Amino acid sequence: MRTQVAIVGAGPAGLMLGRLLERAGIDTVVLERRSAEHVLSRIRAGVLEQGSVDLLHRAGVGARVHAEGLAHNGVKLSFDGDAARIDFPSLTGRHVTVYGQTEVTRDLMDARNASAAPTVYEAEDVALHDFASTRPRVSWRQQGQQRELGCDFIVGCDGYHGVSRASIPGDALTIFERHYDFGWLGLLVEKPPVDDELIYAHHQRGFALCSMRSHSRSRYYIQVPATERTQDWPDSRFWDELRSRLNPEFAARLQTGPSIEKSIAPLRSFVAEPLRFGSLFLAGDAAHIVPPTGAKGLNLAMHDVGLLADALIEFYSEHSSAGIDAYSGRALSHIWKAERFSWWMTSLLHTFPETGRFGRRIQRAEFDYLVGSTAARTSFAENYTGLPG
């Protein structure tokens, strides 16, 4: 088998790259170690910057996000019960759209299936070969048969634990990483959201977030120690804790019910540099992880593959390597700005016992400055709705 671009990973990044290249007449094969059903079962956030929505339309899969996505013109922040709103359009002229990552993946998967572009699910023992050369290969095993794919380029969109980044020699990568000693305990419920916009809350007991998937499905999070287990958090305990961390007005509007999903997500920051090694490129979670506080994870992945798609299209249509040569530097410049914003939001809204009373006063001063300064609110809105790339 041979193709032009082999894409490892059938999450939203890999499928989006495949779709953009397919529409430009570039052949791709997508390899995924899990089943299609497993890929669609992953529960992830879905706050989309306008750039990500534009990319869905460019890929020809924007109909559902246009019809079903929830446009949000701001977010609400609270600190120990004091609430404020950041109005995006008045500050930046932009907004964000709430549309679940699972739905993004479904739209892209359906489009790839409809065009019969090749996707290999349940590909076992995927291995990358000769990517330091101009004739890379990918091998895998499926139903007991060994397979191999020759290509011009390999793109690793297979996540933090995938084979792509792990295949690069350690001395060729520089890793930047920070682990937080807490996580987010998340609960999904079939109840209307507390508010028509996201609510980010800082409380002395810890961070809380009120989010949503639709007008009738809500997603809630609370900060918990990294050592906590979901089985130690029955629904009643979760609801009591969430309510205690919210502004009284928001808490009074909270509608509770039995959870339909519950999980704990660890928080970490991670960047690998560079994002290119010979004929192998990294994109999405294979290249970087951000805390979910700033809603940047999916948007960064979309930005990566948008840049890379343009670079590969330029390579094949204009016989120019300028775009692929510049990809790593351009992507990393954007990634580090998103890492900074996610770190800043995490630092503002979570509790850090090691910082003591002084640290909480600094957080309070930061919150008051944000609320009281047009310049600070504009900076927040620019970063949250998406910086130009």
Protein backbone atom coordinates (compact mmCIF):
# COMPACT_ATOMS: atom_id res chain seq x y z
CA MET A 1 0.00 0.00 0.00
CA ARG A 2 1.07 3.56 -0.63
CA THR A 3 -0.39 7.00 0.02
CA GLN A 4 0.83 10.58 0.12
CA VAL A 5 0.15 11.36 3.80
CA ALA A 6 -0.26 8.74 6.53
CA ILE A 7 -2.18 10.08 9.53
CA VAL A 8 -1.89 8.24 12.83
CA GLY A 9 -4.94 8.86 15.02
CA ALA A 10 -8.64 9.23 14.12
CA GLY A 11 -9.58 11.84 16.68
CA PRO A 12 -10.73 15.29 15.57
CA ALA A 13 -7.20 16.45 14.65
CA GLY A 14 -6.42 13.47 12.44
CA LEU A 15 -9.83 13.42 10.81
CA MET A 16 -9.79 17.17 10.17
CA LEU A 17 -6.36 17.00 8.55
CA GLY A 18 -7.49 14.07 6.42
CA ARG A 19 -10.61 15.92 5.34
CA LEU A 20 -8.78 19.14 4.41
CA LEU A 21 -6.19 17.23 2.40
CA GLU A 22 -8.85 15.07 0.73
CA ARG A 23 -10.68 18.18 -0.47
CA ALA A 24 -7.39 19.41 -1.96
CA GLY A 25 -6.93 16.15 -3.88
CA ILE A 26 -4.20 14.75 -1.61
CA ASP A 27 -4.42 11.05 -0.75
CA THR A 28 -4.39 10.05 2.91
CA VAL A 29 -4.82 6.95 5.02
CA VAL A 30 -5.88 7.33 8.66
CA LEU A 31 -4.79 4.67 11.15
CA GLU A 32 -6.47 4.31 14.55
CA ARG A 33 -5.71 1.70 17.19
CA ARG A 34 -9.20 1.87 18.71
CA SER A 35 -12.58 1.10 17.19
CA ALA A 36 -14.73 3.83 15.68
CA GLU A 37 -17.26 3.28 18.48
CA HIS A 38 -14.59 3.82 21.12
CA VAL A 39 -13.42 7.02 19.46
CA LEU A 40 -16.97 8.37 19.53
CA SER A 41 -17.47 7.35 23.16
CA ARG A 42 -14.82 9.75 24.46
CA ILE A 43 -16.44 12.55 26.46
CA ARG A 44 -14.57 15.81 25.91
CA ALA A 45 -15.22 19.50 26.18
CA GLY A 46 -16.38 21.55 23.23
CA VAL A 47 -15.90 25.32 23.41
CA LEU A 48 -14.91 26.26 19.86
CA GLU A 49 -13.11 29.42 18.85
CA GLN A 50 -14.33 31.06 15.65
CA GLY A 51 -11.23 29.76 13.87
CA SER A 52 -12.23 26.19 14.68
CA VAL A 53 -15.79 26.77 13.47
CA ASP A 54 -14.43 28.31 10.27
CA LEU A 55 -12.26 25.22 9.76
CA LEU A 56 -15.31 22.94 10.07
CA HIS A 57 -17.02 24.96 7.34
CA ARG A 58 -13.87 24.86 5.20
CA ALA A 59 -13.89 21.07 5.59
CA GLY A 60 -17.50 20.96 4.38
CA VAL A 61 -18.85 19.69 7.69
CA GLY A 62 -20.19 22.90 9.20
CA ALA A 63 -23.92 22.29 8.80
CA ARG A 64 -24.54 20.78 12.24
CA VAL A 65 -22.37 23.20 14.19
CA HIS A 66 -24.22 26.02 12.45
CA ALA A 67 -27.61 24.51 13.29
CA GLU A 68 -26.92 23.08 16.74
CA GLY A 69 -23.92 24.96 18.16
CA LEU A 70 -24.64 27.38 20.99
CA ALA A 71 -23.16 30.82 20.37
CA HIS A 72 -21.79 32.33 23.59
CA ASN A 73 -21.10 36.04 23.83
CA GLY A 74 -19.36 35.89 27.18
CA VAL A 75 -18.51 33.99 30.33
CA LYS A 76 -19.25 34.64 33.97
CA LEU A 77 -16.55 34.61 36.65
CA SER A 78 -16.97 34.59 40.40
CA PHE A 79 -14.60 34.82 43.33
CA ASP A 80 -15.95 33.83 46.74
CA GLY A 81 -19.44 34.68 45.55
CA ASP A 82 -18.68 38.00 43.82
CA ALA A 83 -19.69 37.63 40.17
CA ALA A 84 -18.76 39.47 36.99
CA ARG A 85 -19.31 38.95 33.27
CA ILE A 86 -16.81 39.26 30.43
CA ASP A 87 -18.63 40.44 27.29
CA PHE A 88 -16.78 39.16 24.23
CA PRO A 89 -18.44 41.06 21.34
CA SER A 90 -18.10 44.48 22.98
CA LEU A 91 -14.42 43.85 23.68
CA THR A 92 -13.30 41.90 20.60
CA GLY A 93 -16.22 41.62 18.16
CA ARG A 94 -16.02 37.82 18.48
CA HIS A 95 -17.79 34.99 20.31
CA VAL A 96 -17.28 31.27 20.97
CA THR A 97 -19.50 28.31 20.12
CA VAL A 98 -20.36 25.42 22.44
CA TYR A 99 -20.39 22.22 20.38
CA GLY A 100 -19.13 18.95 21.84
CA GLN A 101 -15.85 17.45 20.67
CA THR A 102 -17.68 14.16 20.17
CA GLU A 103 -19.96 15.90 17.68
CA VAL A 104 -16.97 17.42 15.85
CA THR A 105 -15.50 13.93 15.58
CA ARG A 106 -18.82 12.46 14.41
CA ASP A 107 -19.21 15.09 11.67
CA LEU A 108 -15.70 14.47 10.37
CA MET A 109 -16.04 10.69 10.64
CA ASP A 110 -19.33 10.71 8.73
CA ALA A 111 -17.79 12.83 5.97
CA ARG A 112 -14.81 10.51 5.62
CA ASN A 113 -17.05 7.46 5.52
CA ALA A 114 -19.26 9.08 2.89
CA SER A 115 -16.30 9.74 0.61
CA ALA A 116 -14.85 6.25 1.18
CA ALA A 117 -11.49 7.75 2.12
CA PRO A 118 -9.53 4.90 3.76
CA THR A 119 -9.54 4.68 7.54
CA VAL A 120 -8.14 1.66 9.35
CA TYR A 121 -9.62 1.13 12.82
CA GLU A 122 -8.31 -1.35 15.38
CA ALA A 123 -4.82 -1.17 13.90
CA GLU A 124 -2.59 -3.02 16.37
CA ASP A 125 1.13 -2.55 17.00
CA VAL A 126 1.43 0.55 14.83
CA ALA A 127 5.09 1.37 14.17
CA LEU A 128 6.76 4.24 12.31
CA HIS A 129 9.81 3.57 10.15
CA ASP A 130 12.42 5.60 8.24
CA PHE A 131 10.82 8.95 8.98
CA ALA A 132 14.23 10.60 9.12
CA SER A 133 14.34 9.92 5.37
CA THR A 134 12.17 10.91 2.43
CA ARG A 135 10.64 7.41 2.20
CA PRO A 136 8.87 6.82 5.53
CA ARG A 137 6.69 3.80 6.24
CA VAL A 138 4.03 2.83 8.76
CA SER A 139 3.37 -0.77 9.73
CA TRP A 140 0.60 -2.33 11.78
CA ARG A 141 -1.17 -5.60 12.41
CA GLN A 142 -4.86 -6.20 11.76
CA GLN A 143 -6.75 -9.45 12.24
CA GLY A 144 -3.46 -11.29 12.51
CA GLN A 145 -2.13 -9.91 9.22
CA GLN A 146 0.94 -7.65 9.05
CA ARG A 147 0.39 -4.52 6.94
CA GLU A 148 2.65 -1.77 5.68
CA LEU A 149 2.02 1.65 4.17
CA GLY A 150 4.57 3.70 2.25
CA CYS A 151 4.07 7.47 2.16
CA ASP A 152 5.67 10.87 1.67
CA PHE A 153 4.84 12.16 5.15
CA ILE A 154 3.56 10.85 8.48
CA VAL A 155 1.48 13.04 10.78
CA GLY A 156 1.11 11.95 14.40
CA CYS A 157 -2.32 12.95 15.74
CA ASP A 158 -2.48 10.03 18.16
CA GLY A 159 -2.47 11.87 21.47
CA TYR A 160 -0.24 12.13 24.48
CA HIS A 161 0.18 8.36 24.86
CA GLY A 162 0.46 7.59 21.16
CA VAL A 163 3.27 5.96 19.24
CA SER A 164 4.20 8.98 17.11
CA ARG A 165 6.04 11.17 19.61
CA ALA A 166 7.38 8.09 21.40
CA SER A 167 9.05 7.00 18.13
CA ILE A 168 11.25 10.11 17.98
CA PRO A 169 14.70 9.70 19.57
CA GLY A 170 14.71 11.28 23.01
CA ASP A 171 17.71 13.50 22.28
CA ALA A 172 15.86 15.05 19.34
CA LEU A 173 13.01 16.42 21.49
CA THR A 174 12.86 18.98 24.26
CA ILE A 175 9.99 18.36 26.68
CA PHE A 176 8.40 21.06 28.85
CA GLU A 177 5.96 19.74 31.44
CA ARG A 178 4.12 20.69 34.61
CA HIS A 179 1.80 18.45 36.61
CA TYR A 180 -0.78 19.86 39.01
CA ASP A 181 -1.61 18.05 42.23
CA PHE A 182 -5.35 18.26 41.57
CA GLY A 183 -7.83 17.26 38.90
CA TRP A 184 -11.33 18.04 37.70
CA LEU A 185 -14.13 15.75 38.81
CA GLY A 186 -16.70 16.06 36.03
CA LEU A 187 -20.35 15.03 35.96
CA LEU A 188 -22.72 14.94 32.98
CA VAL A 189 -26.45 15.23 33.63
CA GLU A 190 -29.64 15.47 31.59
CA LYS A 191 -30.73 18.78 33.07
CA PRO A 192 -30.81 22.34 31.69
CA PRO A 193 -27.67 24.36 32.49
CA VAL A 194 -27.54 26.82 35.37
CA ASP A 195 -26.97 29.69 32.96
CA ASP A 196 -26.85 30.35 29.23
CA GLU A 197 -23.10 31.01 29.54
CA LEU A 198 -20.22 29.18 31.22
CA ILE A 199 -19.61 30.02 34.89
CA TYR A 200 -16.05 29.81 36.26
CA ALA A 201 -15.95 30.00 40.06
CA HIS A 202 -13.10 30.36 42.55
CA HIS A 203 -13.94 29.41 46.13
CA GLN A 204 -11.78 28.74 49.15
CA ARG A 205 -12.90 25.09 48.90
CA GLY A 206 -11.71 24.91 45.29
CA PHE A 207 -12.56 25.68 41.69
CA ALA A 208 -15.92 24.92 40.02
CA LEU A 209 -17.19 25.18 36.46
CA CYS A 210 -20.75 25.12 35.16
CA SER A 211 -20.80 24.20 31.48
CA MET A 212 -23.21 22.57 29.05
CA ARG A 213 -23.52 20.36 25.99
CA SER A 214 -26.97 21.56 24.90
CA HIS A 215 -30.03 23.36 26.24
CA SER A 216 -30.98 20.17 28.10
CA ARG A 217 -27.62 18.58 28.97
CA SER A 218 -25.17 20.07 31.47
CA ARG A 219 -21.55 19.35 32.37
CA TYR A 220 -20.21 20.36 35.80
CA TYR A 221 -16.72 20.21 37.29
CA ILE A 222 -15.14 20.67 40.70
CA GLN A 223 -11.49 20.74 41.71
CA VAL A 224 -10.46 17.68 43.73
CA PRO A 225 -7.10 16.30 44.88
CA ALA A 226 -5.39 14.14 42.28
CA THR A 227 -5.71 11.16 44.63
CA GLU A 228 -9.53 11.19 44.65
CA ARG A 229 -11.59 8.38 43.08
CA THR A 230 -14.96 8.72 41.35
CA GLN A 231 -16.44 5.92 43.45
CA ASP A 232 -15.93 8.08 46.53
CA TRP A 233 -18.16 10.76 45.02
CA PRO A 234 -21.81 9.71 44.90
CA ASP A 235 -24.00 12.18 43.06
CA SER A 236 -25.38 13.68 46.26
CA ARG A 237 -21.90 14.55 47.53
CA PHE A 238 -20.96 16.09 44.19
CA TRP A 239 -24.07 18.28 44.06
CA ASP A 240 -23.59 19.49 47.65
CA GLU A 241 -19.97 20.39 46.97
CA LEU A 242 -20.72 22.14 43.70
CA ARG A 243 -23.53 24.16 45.25
CA SER A 244 -21.27 25.29 48.11
CA ARG A 245 -18.73 26.75 45.65
CA LEU A 246 -21.16 28.75 43.53
CA ASN A 247 -22.48 32.26 43.90
CA PRO A 248 -25.82 31.95 45.79
CA GLU A 249 -27.77 33.17 42.75
CA PHE A 250 -26.23 30.48 40.56
CA ALA A 251 -26.55 27.79 43.24
CA ALA A 252 -30.29 28.49 43.57
CA ARG A 253 -30.78 27.79 39.84
CA LEU A 254 -28.86 24.51 39.85
CA GLN A 255 -31.01 21.55 38.72
CA THR A 256 -29.65 18.22 39.90
CA GLY A 257 -30.27 14.68 38.71
CA PRO A 258 -28.62 11.29 38.30
CA SER A 259 -25.27 11.44 36.52
CA ILE A 260 -24.94 9.80 33.11
CA GLU A 261 -21.13 10.02 33.18
CA LYS A 262 -18.58 10.84 35.85
CA SER A 263 -14.80 11.00 35.60
CA ILE A 264 -11.70 12.71 36.96
CA ALA A 265 -9.36 14.48 34.55
CA PRO A 266 -5.82 15.23 35.75
CA LEU A 267 -4.42 18.67 34.96
CA ARG A 268 -1.06 19.12 33.32
CA SER A 269 0.80 21.36 30.89
CA PHE A 270 3.02 19.77 28.26
CA VAL A 271 4.84 20.88 25.12
CA ALA A 272 7.24 18.93 22.91
CA GLU A 273 9.66 20.79 20.64
CA PRO A 274 10.15 20.69 17.71
CA LEU A 275 7.01 19.43 15.97
CA ARG A 276 8.84 18.05 12.95
CA PHE A 277 11.43 15.30 12.69
CA GLY A 278 12.28 14.58 9.06
CA SER A 279 9.10 13.39 7.37
CA LEU A 280 7.18 13.10 10.65
CA PHE A 281 5.03 15.91 12.04
CA LEU A 282 3.27 16.11 15.41
CA ALA A 283 -0.10 17.79 15.94
CA GLY A 284 -2.72 18.02 18.67
CA ASP A 285 -2.26 16.21 21.96
CA ALA A 286 0.75 14.34 20.60
CA ALA A 287 2.52 17.70 20.67
CA HIS A 288 0.97 19.57 23.58
CA ILE A 289 -1.43 19.39 26.50
CA VAL A 290 -3.05 22.35 28.26
CA PRO A 291 -5.14 22.46 31.43
CA PRO A 292 -8.79 22.60 30.37
CA THR A 293 -9.38 25.88 32.20
CA GLY A 294 -8.92 28.05 29.13
CA ALA A 295 -10.82 25.76 26.69
CA LYS A 296 -7.78 25.55 24.42
CA GLY A 297 -7.08 21.84 23.87
CA LEU A 298 -9.34 21.12 20.89
CA ASN A 299 -8.81 24.59 19.44
CA LEU A 300 -5.03 24.18 19.50
CA ALA A 301 -5.36 20.85 17.69
CA MET A 302 -7.55 22.47 15.03
CA HIS A 303 -5.05 25.30 14.63
CA ASP A 304 -2.17 22.81 14.24
CA VAL A 305 -3.82 20.81 11.48
CA GLY A 306 -5.10 23.92 9.72
CA LEU A 307 -1.52 25.18 9.47
CA LEU A 308 -0.21 21.77 8.46
CA ALA A 309 -2.91 21.24 5.84
CA ASP A 310 -2.02 24.56 4.21
CA ALA A 311 1.68 23.64 4.29
CA LEU A 312 1.12 20.22 2.72
CA ILE A 313 -1.22 21.62 0.07
CA GLU A 314 1.47 24.16 -0.79
CA PHE A 315 4.04 21.38 -1.02
CA TYR A 316 2.02 19.32 -3.47
CA SER A 317 0.50 22.14 -5.53
CA GLU A 318 3.44 24.53 -5.69
CA HIS A 319 6.37 22.16 -5.05
CA SER A 320 7.42 24.42 -2.20
CA SER A 321 8.65 23.23 1.19
CA ALA A 322 8.41 26.70 2.76
CA GLY A 323 5.19 25.89 4.62
CA ILE A 324 6.28 22.55 6.01
CA ASP A 325 9.64 24.01 7.00
CA ALA A 326 7.89 26.81 8.92
CA TYR A 327 5.18 24.63 10.48
CA SER A 328 6.90 23.82 13.78
CA GLY A 329 7.91 27.39 14.56
CA ARG A 330 4.55 28.89 13.62
CA ALA A 331 2.58 26.30 15.54
CA LEU A 332 4.75 26.54 18.66
CA SER A 333 4.44 30.33 18.77
CA HIS A 334 0.66 29.94 18.93
CA ILE A 335 0.84 26.98 21.33
CA TRP A 336 2.91 28.84 23.92
CA LYS A 337 0.49 31.76 23.96
CA ALA A 338 -2.34 29.31 24.66
CA GLU A 339 -0.24 27.56 27.31
CA ARG A 340 0.32 30.92 29.01
CA PHE A 341 -3.39 31.77 29.04
CA SER A 342 -4.39 28.32 30.31
CA TRP A 343 -1.74 28.52 33.05
CA TRP A 344 -2.93 32.02 34.02
CA MET A 345 -6.59 30.99 34.24
CA THR A 346 -5.66 27.89 36.23
CA SER A 347 -3.58 30.00 38.62
CA LEU A 348 -6.39 32.51 39.11
CA LEU A 349 -9.28 30.13 39.67
CA HIS A 350 -7.92 27.13 41.59
CA THR A 351 -6.83 26.83 45.18
CA PHE A 352 -3.14 26.21 45.91
CA PRO A 353 -2.73 25.48 49.64
CA GLU A 354 1.04 25.90 49.41
CA THR A 355 0.67 29.61 48.57
CA GLY A 356 -1.13 30.35 51.84
CA ARG A 357 -3.05 33.51 52.68
CA PHE A 358 -0.71 35.70 50.63
CA GLY A 359 -1.41 33.64 47.51
CA ARG A 360 -5.17 33.97 47.92
CA ARG A 361 -4.89 37.72 48.34
CA ILE A 362 -2.90 37.90 45.12
CA GLN A 363 -5.62 35.89 43.38
CA ARG A 364 -8.24 38.26 44.74
CA ALA A 365 -6.29 41.27 43.55
CA GLU A 366 -5.94 39.67 40.12
CA PHE A 367 -9.69 39.05 39.97
CA ASP A 368 -10.48 42.62 41.03
CA TYR A 369 -8.08 44.02 38.45
CA LEU A 370 -9.62 41.86 35.73
CA VAL A 371 -13.15 42.95 36.61
CA GLY A 372 -12.24 46.63 36.95
CA SER A 373 -9.97 47.11 33.93
CA THR A 374 -11.20 47.34 30.35
CA ALA A 375 -7.70 46.51 29.15
CA ALA A 376 -7.57 43.37 31.32
CA ARG A 377 -11.03 42.25 30.21
CA THR A 378 -10.07 42.83 26.57
CA SER A 379 -6.94 40.72 27.02
CA PHE A 380 -9.04 37.95 28.57
CA ALA A 381 -11.60 38.11 25.77
CA GLU A 382 -8.92 38.11 23.06
CA ASN A 383 -7.27 35.02 24.49
CA TYR A 384 -10.46 33.14 25.28
CA THR A 385 -12.06 33.69 21.86
CA GLY A 386 -8.80 32.87 20.09
CA LEU A 387 -5.66 34.75 19.14
CA PRO A 388 -4.80 35.04 15.45
CA GLY A 389 -2.37 32.38 14.36
